[in-house]
Amino acid sequence: MKKIKVEDKWIGEGEPTFIIAEVGSNHDGSLKQAKRLIELARQAGADAVKFQSFQAEKLINRQKLPDAYRKISRLFLPDEWHFKLAEYAKDQEIIFLSTPFDIERANLLNEIGVGAFKIASGDLTFYSLIEHIARFKKPILLSTGMAYLDEVEKAVNVIKGENNEEIVLLHCVSTYPAKLEDANIRAMVSMRDIFNLPVGFSDHTPGYVTPLGAVALGACVIEKHITLSRNLDGPDHPFALEVDEFAEMVKKIRDLEKALGDGEKKPTSAEMPERKFARRGIYARCDIPRGTILKHEMIKMVRPACDGFKDLREILDKKTKVNIKKDELITAEKICEEI
């Protein structure tokens, strides 16, 4: 499976999980708060911090959705903030990302030099935007909330149609918060197997049990909202992780990665001494004279294994070449091959 590189981080099988701290709108219209969240995301161990780049008039019809228009109008990032936040993220040594919701904002992010583009679940069928972003030839994190498989396939084909193969599919449930019973993280595995692309999970469930489950199932990317407090007023705060919780999630993911290993079934180096002690060897239960036909009641299997036989069937009904004392290990040179 192809690996994707975002700045200095690789995404793909065998690589550490790429963890995105999704600020979204949790900056609450404050540049100072946005910078603080960048700093805290880096301290919590995130690989990237992500914002949302939109213009209210290009996202929502104010006549159809006046309340939503009013709410998001105060949460947009001015152009100059993008440059300031990207520079601050660079200073903090964390990757700056943002989701563009229109072509102008996509161009702005490309001008800034973002290492990848995130496409929101709601825009999975906004093909002109996807096509435009694909032409930048940068990695695309494609969120798939609310989607049927054929819709995912079409969006993937739009990207590939622009000769861009740098795609990561993010399973997502677009409810806020999402119920655990709706998470269906096995769908992420299905997309990986069908499209042969790196996959991840953009999570809106409470806590972080589903991200851990996703990593165990092969997620290469985890995206999770971060906030200073879930009690703050704003659409993304209630289902986000507070900073200490986010840091705990990162630690659990890193611990889980250690436990997952490389998948090859073999003893660890630490197990090798235990193999000798815990496995059983074949010993004489009593003194056995030379020329004796070995029967079950003459032998016992006890620890340690040592270097003798491991399988009773290899020695039963064989004749001894030498006298064998009680508790002596039975080895090949002590028995005849044939009776």
Protein backbone atom coordinates (compact mmCIF):
# COMPACT_ATOMS: atom_id res chain seq x y z
CA MET A 1 0.00 0.00 0.00
CA LYS A 2 1.22 3.46 -0.92
CA LYS A 3 2.56 5.67 1.87
CA ILE A 4 1.80 9.39 1.94
CA LYS A 5 4.21 12.06 3.17
CA VAL A 6 2.91 15.23 4.82
CA GLU A 7 5.86 17.54 5.36
CA ASP A 8 8.27 15.40 7.41
CA LYS A 9 5.70 12.79 8.51
CA TRP A 10 4.90 9.55 6.71
CA ILE A 11 1.36 8.17 6.72
CA GLY A 12 0.78 4.51 6.02
CA GLU A 13 1.13 0.95 7.24
CA GLY A 14 4.03 0.52 9.62
CA GLU A 15 4.28 4.24 10.37
CA PRO A 16 3.23 5.93 13.64
CA THR A 17 -0.39 7.06 13.61
CA PHE A 18 -0.65 10.61 12.26
CA ILE A 19 -2.64 12.44 14.94
CA ILE A 20 -4.48 15.63 14.07
CA ALA A 21 -5.72 18.01 16.74
CA GLU A 22 -8.82 19.51 15.15
CA VAL A 23 -9.35 23.03 16.44
CA GLY A 24 -12.19 23.63 14.00
CA SER A 25 -14.02 26.66 15.30
CA ASN A 26 -12.82 26.27 18.88
CA HIS A 27 -10.65 29.38 18.57
CA ASP A 28 -13.94 31.29 19.14
CA GLY A 29 -12.82 34.10 16.87
CA SER A 30 -9.74 34.85 18.97
CA LEU A 31 -6.28 34.78 17.40
CA LYS A 32 -4.75 34.49 20.86
CA GLN A 33 -6.89 31.45 21.66
CA ALA A 34 -6.07 29.89 18.29
CA LYS A 35 -2.35 30.23 18.99
CA ARG A 36 -2.81 28.84 22.47
CA LEU A 37 -4.51 25.76 21.06
CA ILE A 38 -1.64 25.26 18.59
CA GLU A 39 0.82 25.35 21.46
CA LEU A 40 -1.23 22.98 23.61
CA ALA A 41 -1.83 20.57 20.72
CA ARG A 42 1.92 20.31 20.23
CA GLN A 43 2.45 19.75 23.95
CA ALA A 44 -0.24 17.05 23.92
CA GLY A 45 1.72 15.16 21.26
CA ALA A 46 -0.30 15.86 18.12
CA ASP A 47 1.49 15.71 14.77
CA ALA A 48 -0.70 18.37 13.21
CA VAL A 49 -3.19 21.03 14.21
CA LYS A 50 -6.10 21.79 11.91
CA PHE A 51 -8.46 24.69 11.43
CA GLN A 52 -11.37 25.39 9.08
CA SER A 53 -11.10 27.95 6.30
CA PHE A 54 -14.43 29.25 5.07
CA GLN A 55 -16.32 32.37 4.10
CA ALA A 56 -19.86 32.39 5.41
CA GLU A 57 -21.38 33.76 2.21
CA LYS A 58 -19.72 30.96 0.19
CA LEU A 59 -20.79 28.22 2.55
CA ILE A 60 -24.34 28.94 3.72
CA ASN A 61 -27.42 30.53 2.18
CA ARG A 62 -28.31 33.11 4.79
CA GLN A 63 -31.95 33.17 3.69
CA LYS A 64 -32.33 29.40 4.09
CA LEU A 65 -30.20 28.98 7.24
CA PRO A 66 -30.06 32.39 8.95
CA ASP A 67 -29.12 31.08 12.39
CA ALA A 68 -26.28 28.93 11.06
CA TYR A 69 -25.05 31.83 8.92
CA ARG A 70 -25.00 34.14 11.92
CA LYS A 71 -23.14 31.63 14.11
CA ILE A 72 -20.36 30.82 11.69
CA SER A 73 -19.91 34.42 10.56
CA ARG A 74 -18.10 35.13 13.81
CA LEU A 75 -15.91 32.02 13.57
CA PHE A 76 -14.18 32.51 10.23
CA LEU A 77 -10.41 32.94 9.99
CA PRO A 78 -9.34 36.19 8.31
CA ASP A 79 -6.73 35.83 5.56
CA GLU A 80 -3.96 37.36 7.65
CA TRP A 81 -4.65 34.96 10.53
CA HIS A 82 -3.87 32.02 8.26
CA PHE A 83 -0.35 33.27 7.70
CA LYS A 84 0.14 34.09 11.37
CA LEU A 85 -1.16 30.71 12.54
CA ALA A 86 0.88 28.79 9.98
CA GLU A 87 4.02 30.64 11.06
CA TYR A 88 3.23 30.08 14.73
CA ALA A 89 2.67 26.36 14.11
CA LYS A 90 6.04 26.22 12.36
CA ASP A 91 7.67 27.86 15.38
CA GLN A 92 5.96 25.29 17.61
CA GLU A 93 7.17 22.46 15.35
CA ILE A 94 3.71 21.16 14.57
CA ILE A 95 2.16 20.80 11.11
CA PHE A 96 -0.45 23.42 10.21
CA LEU A 97 -3.50 22.20 8.28
CA SER A 98 -6.89 23.64 7.48
CA THR A 99 -9.99 22.50 5.62
CA PRO A 100 -10.90 24.80 2.73
CA PHE A 101 -14.59 25.15 1.96
CA ASP A 102 -14.23 27.12 -1.26
CA ILE A 103 -11.74 27.56 -4.08
CA GLU A 104 -10.46 30.92 -2.82
CA ARG A 105 -9.62 29.46 0.57
CA ALA A 106 -7.98 26.47 -1.12
CA ASN A 107 -5.79 28.88 -3.10
CA LEU A 108 -4.94 30.75 0.09
CA LEU A 109 -3.84 27.56 1.84
CA ASN A 110 -1.78 26.54 -1.16
CA GLU A 111 -0.11 29.96 -1.11
CA ILE A 112 0.71 29.45 2.56
CA GLY A 113 2.27 26.12 1.64
CA VAL A 114 0.22 23.63 3.62
CA GLY A 115 1.57 20.09 3.41
CA ALA A 116 -1.83 18.51 2.76
CA PHE A 117 -5.48 19.35 2.23
CA LYS A 118 -8.41 18.04 4.23
CA ILE A 119 -11.75 17.81 2.42
CA ALA A 120 -14.77 17.86 4.70
CA SER A 121 -17.40 15.14 4.58
CA GLY A 122 -20.01 17.67 3.46
CA ASP A 123 -17.93 18.42 0.39
CA LEU A 124 -17.41 14.82 -0.72
CA THR A 125 -19.73 15.58 -3.66
CA PHE A 126 -18.42 19.13 -4.27
CA TYR A 127 -16.47 17.84 -7.25
CA SER A 128 -15.29 21.19 -8.61
CA LEU A 129 -13.60 21.93 -5.27
CA ILE A 130 -12.11 18.44 -5.03
CA GLU A 131 -10.85 18.66 -8.60
CA HIS A 132 -9.28 22.08 -7.96
CA ILE A 133 -7.52 20.89 -4.80
CA ALA A 134 -6.31 17.71 -6.51
CA ARG A 135 -4.47 19.83 -9.07
CA PHE A 136 -2.16 21.13 -6.35
CA LYS A 137 -0.66 17.61 -6.33
CA LYS A 138 -0.55 17.56 -2.55
CA PRO A 139 -1.86 14.83 -0.23
CA ILE A 140 -5.60 14.87 0.33
CA LEU A 141 -7.29 13.65 3.50
CA LEU A 142 -10.76 12.82 2.24
CA SER A 143 -13.43 12.62 4.92
CA THR A 144 -16.32 10.29 4.11
CA GLY A 145 -19.05 11.03 6.65
CA MET A 146 -22.65 10.46 5.47
CA ALA A 147 -21.35 8.70 2.34
CA TYR A 148 -22.23 5.57 0.46
CA LEU A 149 -19.36 3.59 -1.00
CA ASP A 150 -20.11 4.65 -4.57
CA GLU A 151 -19.86 8.32 -3.52
CA VAL A 152 -16.44 7.66 -2.00
CA GLU A 153 -15.40 5.91 -5.19
CA LYS A 154 -16.46 8.83 -7.36
CA ALA A 155 -14.56 11.36 -5.21
CA VAL A 156 -11.46 9.15 -5.32
CA ASN A 157 -11.75 8.93 -9.09
CA VAL A 158 -12.06 12.72 -9.36
CA ILE A 159 -8.77 13.09 -7.47
CA LYS A 160 -7.03 10.38 -9.47
CA GLY A 161 -8.37 11.96 -12.64
CA GLU A 162 -6.07 14.90 -11.90
CA ASN A 163 -3.10 12.51 -11.63
CA ASN A 164 -3.06 12.78 -7.87
CA GLU A 165 -2.67 9.46 -6.06
CA GLU A 166 -1.89 11.03 -2.67
CA ILE A 167 -5.12 10.06 -0.92
CA VAL A 168 -6.00 9.06 2.63
CA LEU A 169 -9.62 8.05 3.27
CA LEU A 170 -11.04 9.09 6.64
CA HIS A 171 -14.05 7.22 7.96
CA CYS A 172 -16.34 9.62 9.78
CA VAL A 173 -19.80 9.84 11.30
CA SER A 174 -21.14 13.34 10.73
CA THR A 175 -23.18 13.81 13.89
CA TYR A 176 -22.02 16.00 16.75
CA PRO A 177 -21.50 14.14 18.97
CA ALA A 178 -21.70 10.76 17.28
CA LYS A 179 -23.05 7.78 19.21
CA LEU A 180 -20.67 4.91 19.89
CA GLU A 181 -23.13 2.48 18.34
CA ASP A 182 -23.02 4.53 15.13
CA ALA A 183 -19.21 4.66 14.88
CA ASN A 184 -18.95 1.52 12.70
CA ILE A 185 -15.17 1.72 12.53
CA ARG A 186 -15.07 -1.57 10.61
CA ALA A 187 -16.27 0.49 7.63
CA MET A 188 -12.79 2.04 7.66
CA VAL A 189 -11.30 -1.42 7.16
CA SER A 190 -13.69 -2.07 4.28
CA MET A 191 -12.56 1.12 2.52
CA ARG A 192 -8.91 0.15 2.98
CA ASP A 193 -9.50 -3.27 1.46
CA ILE A 194 -11.62 -1.97 -1.43
CA PHE A 195 -9.53 1.05 -2.43
CA ASN A 196 -6.09 -0.12 -1.27
CA LEU A 197 -5.46 3.31 0.22
CA PRO A 198 -4.31 4.40 3.68
CA VAL A 199 -7.29 4.99 5.95
CA GLY A 200 -8.01 6.81 9.17
CA PHE A 201 -10.81 7.95 11.45
CA SER A 202 -12.18 11.45 11.96
CA ASP A 203 -13.93 11.05 15.30
CA HIS A 204 -16.86 12.86 16.89
CA THR A 205 -17.74 10.30 19.59
CA PRO A 206 -17.30 11.12 23.29
CA GLY A 207 -13.97 10.14 24.82
CA TYR A 208 -11.37 8.27 22.83
CA VAL A 209 -12.29 4.60 22.86
CA THR A 210 -13.20 4.68 19.16
CA PRO A 211 -9.86 6.21 18.07
CA LEU A 212 -8.08 3.45 19.97
CA GLY A 213 -10.27 0.86 18.28
CA ALA A 214 -9.58 2.46 14.92
CA VAL A 215 -5.82 2.33 15.47
CA ALA A 216 -6.09 -1.33 16.45
CA LEU A 217 -7.95 -1.96 13.18
CA GLY A 218 -5.31 -0.20 11.10
CA ALA A 219 -6.04 3.53 11.13
CA CYS A 220 -3.07 5.52 9.85
CA VAL A 221 -4.66 8.87 10.81
CA ILE A 222 -6.71 9.95 13.80
CA GLU A 223 -8.43 13.32 13.82
CA LYS A 224 -10.03 14.51 17.04
CA HIS A 225 -11.35 17.89 18.17
CA ILE A 226 -9.45 19.70 20.90
CA THR A 227 -10.74 22.45 23.20
CA LEU A 228 -9.71 24.47 26.22
CA SER A 229 -13.02 23.54 27.85
CA ARG A 230 -16.18 21.73 26.79
CA ASN A 231 -18.12 24.37 28.72
CA LEU A 232 -17.18 27.11 26.28
CA ASP A 233 -19.86 28.46 23.95
CA GLY A 234 -19.41 27.24 20.40
CA PRO A 235 -20.52 24.41 18.10
CA ASP A 236 -17.37 22.27 18.35
CA HIS A 237 -16.62 22.51 22.08
CA PRO A 238 -19.17 20.04 23.54
CA PHE A 239 -17.81 16.92 21.77
CA ALA A 240 -14.10 17.84 21.80
CA LEU A 241 -11.42 16.50 24.12
CA GLU A 242 -9.95 18.91 26.62
CA VAL A 243 -6.20 19.28 26.40
CA ASP A 244 -5.31 16.83 29.18
CA GLU A 245 -7.70 14.26 27.69
CA PHE A 246 -6.21 14.75 24.25
CA ALA A 247 -2.73 14.20 25.66
CA GLU A 248 -3.95 11.03 27.36
CA MET A 249 -5.42 9.80 24.05
CA VAL A 250 -2.10 10.40 22.29
CA LYS A 251 -0.26 8.47 24.99
CA LYS A 252 -2.73 5.58 24.76
CA ILE A 253 -2.33 5.46 20.99
CA ARG A 254 1.46 5.41 21.26
CA ASP A 255 1.24 2.65 23.89
CA LEU A 256 -1.15 0.71 21.67
CA GLU A 257 1.23 1.02 18.71
CA LYS A 258 3.94 -0.63 20.78
CA ALA A 259 1.58 -3.46 21.65
CA LEU A 260 0.41 -3.98 18.05
CA GLY A 261 3.89 -4.95 16.82
CA ASP A 262 4.67 -6.06 13.27
CA GLY A 263 2.20 -8.95 13.03
CA GLU A 264 4.78 -11.73 12.63
CA LYS A 265 4.10 -14.62 14.99
CA LYS A 266 7.40 -15.44 16.68
CA PRO A 267 8.89 -15.42 20.18
CA THR A 268 10.24 -12.12 21.41
CA SER A 269 13.84 -11.92 22.53
CA ALA A 270 12.56 -11.52 26.09
CA GLU A 271 10.63 -14.81 25.76
CA MET A 272 13.57 -16.94 24.70
CA PRO A 273 14.76 -17.82 28.24
CA GLU A 274 11.15 -18.53 29.21
CA ARG A 275 10.78 -20.97 26.33
CA LYS A 276 13.41 -23.19 27.91
CA PHE A 277 11.96 -22.95 31.41
CA ALA A 278 8.22 -23.10 30.67
CA ARG A 279 8.25 -25.77 27.97
CA ARG A 280 8.54 -29.41 29.01
CA GLY A 281 11.29 -31.91 28.42
CA ILE A 282 11.05 -35.72 28.46
CA TYR A 283 12.69 -37.30 31.52
CA ALA A 284 12.95 -40.75 33.04
CA ARG A 285 10.35 -41.37 35.73
CA CYS A 286 12.50 -44.24 37.09
CA ASP A 287 15.81 -45.98 36.38
CA ILE A 288 15.57 -47.48 32.90
CA PRO A 289 18.05 -50.29 32.00
CA ARG A 290 19.76 -50.50 28.64
CA GLY A 291 17.70 -52.41 26.06
CA THR A 292 14.33 -51.46 27.59
CA ILE A 293 11.35 -50.73 25.33
CA LEU A 294 10.14 -47.32 26.47
CA LYS A 295 6.56 -47.20 27.74
CA HIS A 296 4.49 -44.29 28.91
CA GLU A 297 4.75 -45.19 32.59
CA MET A 298 8.57 -44.99 32.47
CA ILE A 299 8.75 -41.36 31.39
CA LYS A 300 7.44 -37.97 32.43
CA MET A 301 7.20 -34.56 30.81
CA VAL A 302 8.29 -31.80 33.16
CA ARG A 303 10.13 -28.50 33.05
CA PRO A 304 12.63 -27.41 31.82
CA ALA A 305 12.59 -28.36 28.16
CA CYS A 306 16.38 -28.36 27.62
CA ASP A 307 17.51 -29.85 24.31
CA GLY A 308 15.83 -33.24 24.36
CA PHE A 309 12.74 -34.55 22.65
CA LYS A 310 9.55 -32.49 22.75
CA ASP A 311 7.05 -35.10 21.60
CA LEU A 312 6.42 -38.35 23.45
CA ARG A 313 5.45 -40.04 20.18
CA GLU A 314 9.07 -39.74 19.05
CA ILE A 315 10.33 -42.13 21.75
CA LEU A 316 7.48 -44.42 22.81
CA ASP A 317 8.18 -48.08 21.93
CA LYS A 318 11.82 -47.28 21.12
CA LYS A 319 14.67 -49.24 22.78
CA THR A 320 17.24 -47.61 25.03
CA LYS A 321 20.91 -47.81 24.04
CA VAL A 322 22.23 -47.04 27.52
CA ASN A 323 21.17 -47.13 31.14
CA ILE A 324 19.09 -44.04 31.96
CA LYS A 325 18.82 -42.87 35.53
CA LYS A 326 15.70 -41.50 37.18
CA ASP A 327 15.12 -37.79 36.34
CA GLU A 328 17.67 -37.96 33.53
CA LEU A 329 16.80 -36.13 30.30
CA ILE A 330 16.12 -38.53 27.45
CA THR A 331 18.04 -37.51 24.34
CA ALA A 332 18.49 -38.96 20.85
CA GLU A 333 21.82 -40.62 21.57
CA LYS A 334 20.26 -42.66 24.38
CA ILE A 335 17.69 -44.55 22.28
CA CYS A 336 17.69 -46.64 19.13
CA GLU A 337 15.92 -45.52 15.98
CA GLU A 338 14.46 -48.98 15.46
CA ILE A 339 13.40 -51.66 17.91
